[in-house]
Amino acid sequence: MAGRIEHTLLASSATEEDVRRVCREAERHELRAVCCLPRDVAACRRRLDGTAVLVVTVLDFPLAGGGAAEDECRRAVEAGADEVDMVVDLRALRSGRLVVAARGVRRVVKAARGRPVKVILETGLLTPEQIAAGAAVVEIGGAAFAKTSTGYGPRGANVEDIRILRAVLGDRLGIKASGGIRDSKAAEAMVAAGADLIGTSNGPACAG
């Protein structure tokens, strides 16, 4: 399980010591990655250089406000991000403008220059049909993973979200379950439903 977990620190109240702590915990417990705010990418890169822990960051997060996510992506890559998690254009997705949403994904994929891109769908705001459409947007846009939630929406991930995403994506793309996953039992349920990765601020507890 540890190799599936992205240990997350995205709170606006996070301190520099919090960033160092999360990096230490990820290294100690051999977690897959640290997921941090863009401002902390360089610090995490320095702290984790020479370890197997990846550095992941978030783009246009958490509100999908229509910011220049591709510019954020370029800066994050230059700072040392191994992967990026972007928020889908929720307004376009929810209104059925799937081509628009997919174009936004594709622009970030291009800016990532080969780094894996995960697309956050914020499933708590979507109907099952919209979740399925969102999975298609992720694939058409060329991303590597669909991701459930920011952790700042109306709810986090649930197993039904994962089942819908897996039914659409098959084994072609990965799935990251994120939002409200706080222990190993919850993490195991997400993996059993089809998730490949777990995003959580309780990484050591979820690793078991």
Protein backbone atom coordinates (compact mmCIF):
# COMPACT_ATOMS: atom_id res chain seq x y z
CA MET A 1 0.00 0.00 0.00
CA ALA A 2 2.80 2.45 0.83
CA GLY A 3 3.88 2.49 -2.81
CA ARG A 4 0.41 3.71 -3.82
CA ILE A 5 0.17 6.62 -1.38
CA GLU A 6 0.74 10.29 -2.21
CA HIS A 7 1.22 12.03 1.13
CA THR A 8 -0.56 15.35 0.78
CA LEU A 9 -0.03 18.82 2.23
CA LEU A 10 -2.24 21.39 0.51
CA ALA A 11 -3.51 23.52 3.39
CA SER A 12 -3.00 27.26 3.07
CA SER A 13 -1.94 27.25 6.74
CA ALA A 14 0.98 24.87 6.09
CA THR A 15 4.32 26.03 7.45
CA GLU A 16 7.83 25.32 6.23
CA GLU A 17 8.21 22.87 9.09
CA ASP A 18 5.03 21.10 7.93
CA VAL A 19 6.59 20.71 4.50
CA ARG A 20 9.76 19.23 5.99
CA ARG A 21 7.70 16.90 8.21
CA VAL A 22 5.66 15.53 5.31
CA CYS A 23 8.83 14.87 3.34
CA ARG A 24 10.39 13.07 6.31
CA GLU A 25 7.28 10.94 6.80
CA ALA A 26 7.09 10.03 3.12
CA GLU A 27 10.72 8.96 3.08
CA ARG A 28 10.49 7.06 6.38
CA HIS A 29 7.39 5.12 5.36
CA GLU A 30 8.53 4.64 1.74
CA LEU A 31 5.43 6.32 0.33
CA ARG A 32 5.07 6.91 -3.40
CA ALA A 33 5.05 10.70 -3.37
CA VAL A 34 4.56 13.97 -1.59
CA CYS A 35 1.78 16.15 -3.07
CA CYS A 36 2.38 19.81 -2.27
CA LEU A 37 1.40 23.32 -3.24
CA PRO A 38 3.30 24.84 -6.19
CA ARG A 39 5.17 27.17 -3.83
CA ASP A 40 6.65 24.15 -2.04
CA VAL A 41 7.82 22.14 -5.05
CA ALA A 42 11.41 23.37 -4.97
CA ALA A 43 11.74 22.77 -1.21
CA CYS A 44 10.33 19.25 -1.54
CA ARG A 45 12.62 18.56 -4.48
CA ARG A 46 15.67 19.57 -2.45
CA ARG A 47 14.55 17.56 0.58
CA LEU A 48 13.70 14.42 -1.41
CA ASP A 49 16.53 14.50 -3.93
CA GLY A 50 18.27 11.13 -3.91
CA THR A 51 15.23 9.31 -2.51
CA ALA A 52 12.59 7.28 -4.35
CA VAL A 53 9.79 9.66 -3.26
CA LEU A 54 8.23 11.65 -6.11
CA VAL A 55 7.21 15.31 -5.94
CA VAL A 56 3.66 16.04 -7.13
CA THR A 57 1.91 19.40 -7.24
CA VAL A 58 -1.52 20.83 -8.07
CA LEU A 59 -2.65 23.29 -10.75
CA ASP A 60 -5.62 25.71 -10.80
CA PHE A 61 -6.42 24.31 -7.37
CA PRO A 62 -8.91 23.86 -5.81
CA LEU A 63 -11.57 25.93 -7.58
CA ALA A 64 -10.71 25.48 -11.27
CA GLY A 65 -10.99 29.23 -11.61
CA GLY A 66 -9.86 29.29 -15.22
CA GLY A 67 -6.31 30.33 -14.41
CA ALA A 68 -3.37 29.70 -16.69
CA ALA A 69 -2.80 26.11 -15.57
CA GLU A 70 -0.31 25.46 -18.37
CA ASP A 71 1.86 28.35 -17.14
CA GLU A 72 1.66 26.97 -13.60
CA CYS A 73 2.63 23.60 -15.01
CA ARG A 74 5.73 24.93 -16.75
CA ARG A 75 6.89 26.65 -13.58
CA ALA A 76 6.25 23.51 -11.52
CA VAL A 77 8.25 21.35 -13.93
CA GLU A 78 11.12 23.85 -13.84
CA ALA A 79 11.02 23.74 -10.02
CA GLY A 80 11.32 19.96 -10.04
CA ALA A 81 7.82 18.45 -10.07
CA ASP A 82 7.70 14.84 -11.24
CA GLU A 83 3.92 14.85 -11.77
CA VAL A 84 1.08 17.38 -11.75
CA ASP A 85 -2.55 17.13 -10.65
CA MET A 86 -4.83 19.63 -12.41
CA VAL A 87 -8.47 20.47 -11.77
CA VAL A 88 -10.67 19.91 -14.81
CA ASP A 89 -12.69 22.81 -16.21
CA LEU A 90 -15.70 21.96 -14.06
CA ARG A 91 -17.96 24.55 -15.67
CA ALA A 92 -17.35 23.05 -19.10
CA LEU A 93 -17.69 19.47 -17.86
CA ARG A 94 -20.94 20.06 -15.98
CA SER A 95 -22.49 21.91 -18.93
CA GLY A 96 -21.61 19.12 -21.36
CA ARG A 97 -18.89 21.01 -23.23
CA LEU A 98 -16.57 18.05 -23.18
CA VAL A 99 -14.39 19.20 -26.08
CA VAL A 100 -13.60 22.42 -24.21
CA ALA A 101 -12.73 20.47 -21.06
CA ALA A 102 -10.53 18.04 -23.00
CA ARG A 103 -8.67 20.89 -24.69
CA GLY A 104 -7.79 22.31 -21.28
CA VAL A 105 -6.39 18.94 -20.25
CA ARG A 106 -4.39 18.63 -23.45
CA ARG A 107 -2.77 22.04 -22.96
CA VAL A 108 -1.49 20.99 -19.53
CA VAL A 109 -0.34 17.61 -20.83
CA LYS A 110 1.73 19.44 -23.44
CA ALA A 111 3.15 21.85 -20.86
CA ALA A 112 4.10 18.91 -18.61
CA ARG A 113 6.65 17.74 -21.19
CA GLY A 114 6.18 14.04 -20.55
CA ARG A 115 5.46 14.21 -16.83
CA PRO A 116 2.29 12.30 -15.87
CA VAL A 117 -0.81 14.47 -15.49
CA LYS A 118 -3.71 13.55 -13.21
CA VAL A 119 -7.05 15.27 -13.78
CA ILE A 120 -9.17 16.05 -10.72
CA LEU A 121 -12.87 15.72 -11.54
CA GLU A 122 -14.34 16.78 -8.16
CA THR A 123 -16.76 13.86 -8.27
CA GLY A 124 -18.81 15.20 -5.37
CA LEU A 125 -20.18 17.86 -7.72
CA LEU A 126 -20.98 15.43 -10.53
CA THR A 127 -23.75 12.98 -11.38
CA PRO A 128 -22.71 9.42 -12.24
CA GLU A 129 -23.19 10.29 -15.91
CA GLN A 130 -20.95 13.34 -15.55
CA ILE A 131 -18.29 11.27 -13.78
CA ALA A 132 -18.29 8.89 -16.74
CA ALA A 133 -18.07 11.84 -19.14
CA GLY A 134 -15.22 13.24 -17.07
CA ALA A 135 -13.32 9.98 -17.41
CA ALA A 136 -13.67 10.28 -21.19
CA VAL A 137 -12.37 13.87 -21.03
CA VAL A 138 -9.30 12.68 -19.13
CA GLU A 139 -8.54 10.05 -21.75
CA ILE A 140 -9.22 12.26 -24.76
CA GLY A 141 -7.04 14.97 -23.23
CA GLY A 142 -4.10 12.59 -23.03
CA ALA A 143 -3.68 12.54 -19.25
CA ALA A 144 -2.34 9.56 -17.34
CA PHE A 145 -4.79 9.42 -14.42
CA ALA A 146 -8.29 10.42 -13.44
CA LYS A 147 -8.47 11.69 -9.85
CA THR A 148 -11.62 11.95 -7.78
CA SER A 149 -11.46 15.02 -5.57
CA THR A 150 -9.56 18.07 -4.36
CA GLY A 151 -10.47 17.47 -0.73
CA TYR A 152 -12.15 20.90 -0.73
CA GLY A 153 -15.40 19.91 -2.45
CA PRO A 154 -18.71 18.77 -0.94
CA ARG A 155 -17.32 15.29 -0.30
CA GLY A 156 -14.30 13.13 -0.95
CA ALA A 157 -13.93 9.92 -2.89
CA ASN A 158 -16.20 6.90 -2.56
CA VAL A 159 -16.01 3.42 -3.99
CA GLU A 160 -18.82 4.06 -6.47
CA ASP A 161 -16.82 6.91 -8.03
CA ILE A 162 -13.92 4.53 -8.51
CA ARG A 163 -16.10 1.83 -10.03
CA ILE A 164 -17.57 4.28 -12.56
CA LEU A 165 -14.15 5.57 -13.55
CA ARG A 166 -12.74 2.06 -13.90
CA ALA A 167 -15.71 0.93 -15.98
CA VAL A 168 -15.05 3.74 -18.47
CA LEU A 169 -11.25 3.67 -18.45
CA GLY A 170 -10.63 -0.06 -18.27
CA ASP A 171 -6.92 -0.66 -17.77
CA ARG A 172 -5.88 2.13 -20.13
CA LEU A 173 -5.44 4.88 -17.52
CA GLY A 174 -4.76 5.04 -13.81
CA ILE A 175 -7.13 6.25 -11.10
CA LYS A 176 -6.21 8.24 -8.00
CA ALA A 177 -8.69 8.20 -5.12
CA SER A 178 -8.40 11.33 -3.02
CA GLY A 179 -10.48 13.13 -0.42
CA GLY A 180 -11.52 11.85 2.99
CA ILE A 181 -9.30 8.75 3.00
CA ARG A 182 -7.87 8.64 6.51
CA ASP A 183 -6.94 5.04 7.36
CA SER A 184 -5.75 1.80 5.83
CA LYS A 185 -9.25 0.29 5.75
CA ALA A 186 -10.56 3.16 3.60
CA ALA A 187 -7.49 3.01 1.37
CA GLU A 188 -7.87 -0.74 0.88
CA ALA A 189 -11.54 -0.29 -0.09
CA MET A 190 -10.57 2.22 -2.79
CA VAL A 191 -7.91 -0.10 -4.17
CA ALA A 192 -10.35 -3.02 -4.16
CA ALA A 193 -12.79 -0.88 -6.19
CA GLY A 194 -10.11 -0.16 -8.80
CA ALA A 195 -7.94 2.75 -7.59
CA ASP A 196 -4.23 2.65 -8.38
CA LEU A 197 -3.14 5.54 -6.15
CA ILE A 198 -4.33 7.06 -2.88
CA GLY A 199 -4.08 10.77 -2.09
CA THR A 200 -4.28 11.49 1.63
CA SER A 201 -2.94 13.82 4.29
CA ASN A 202 -2.74 10.76 6.57
CA GLY A 203 -0.18 8.85 4.52
CA PRO A 204 1.50 6.87 7.32
CA ALA A 205 -1.88 5.78 8.78
CA CYS A 206 -3.13 4.67 5.37
CA ALA A 207 0.08 2.73 4.67
CA GLY A 208 -0.85 0.42 7.56
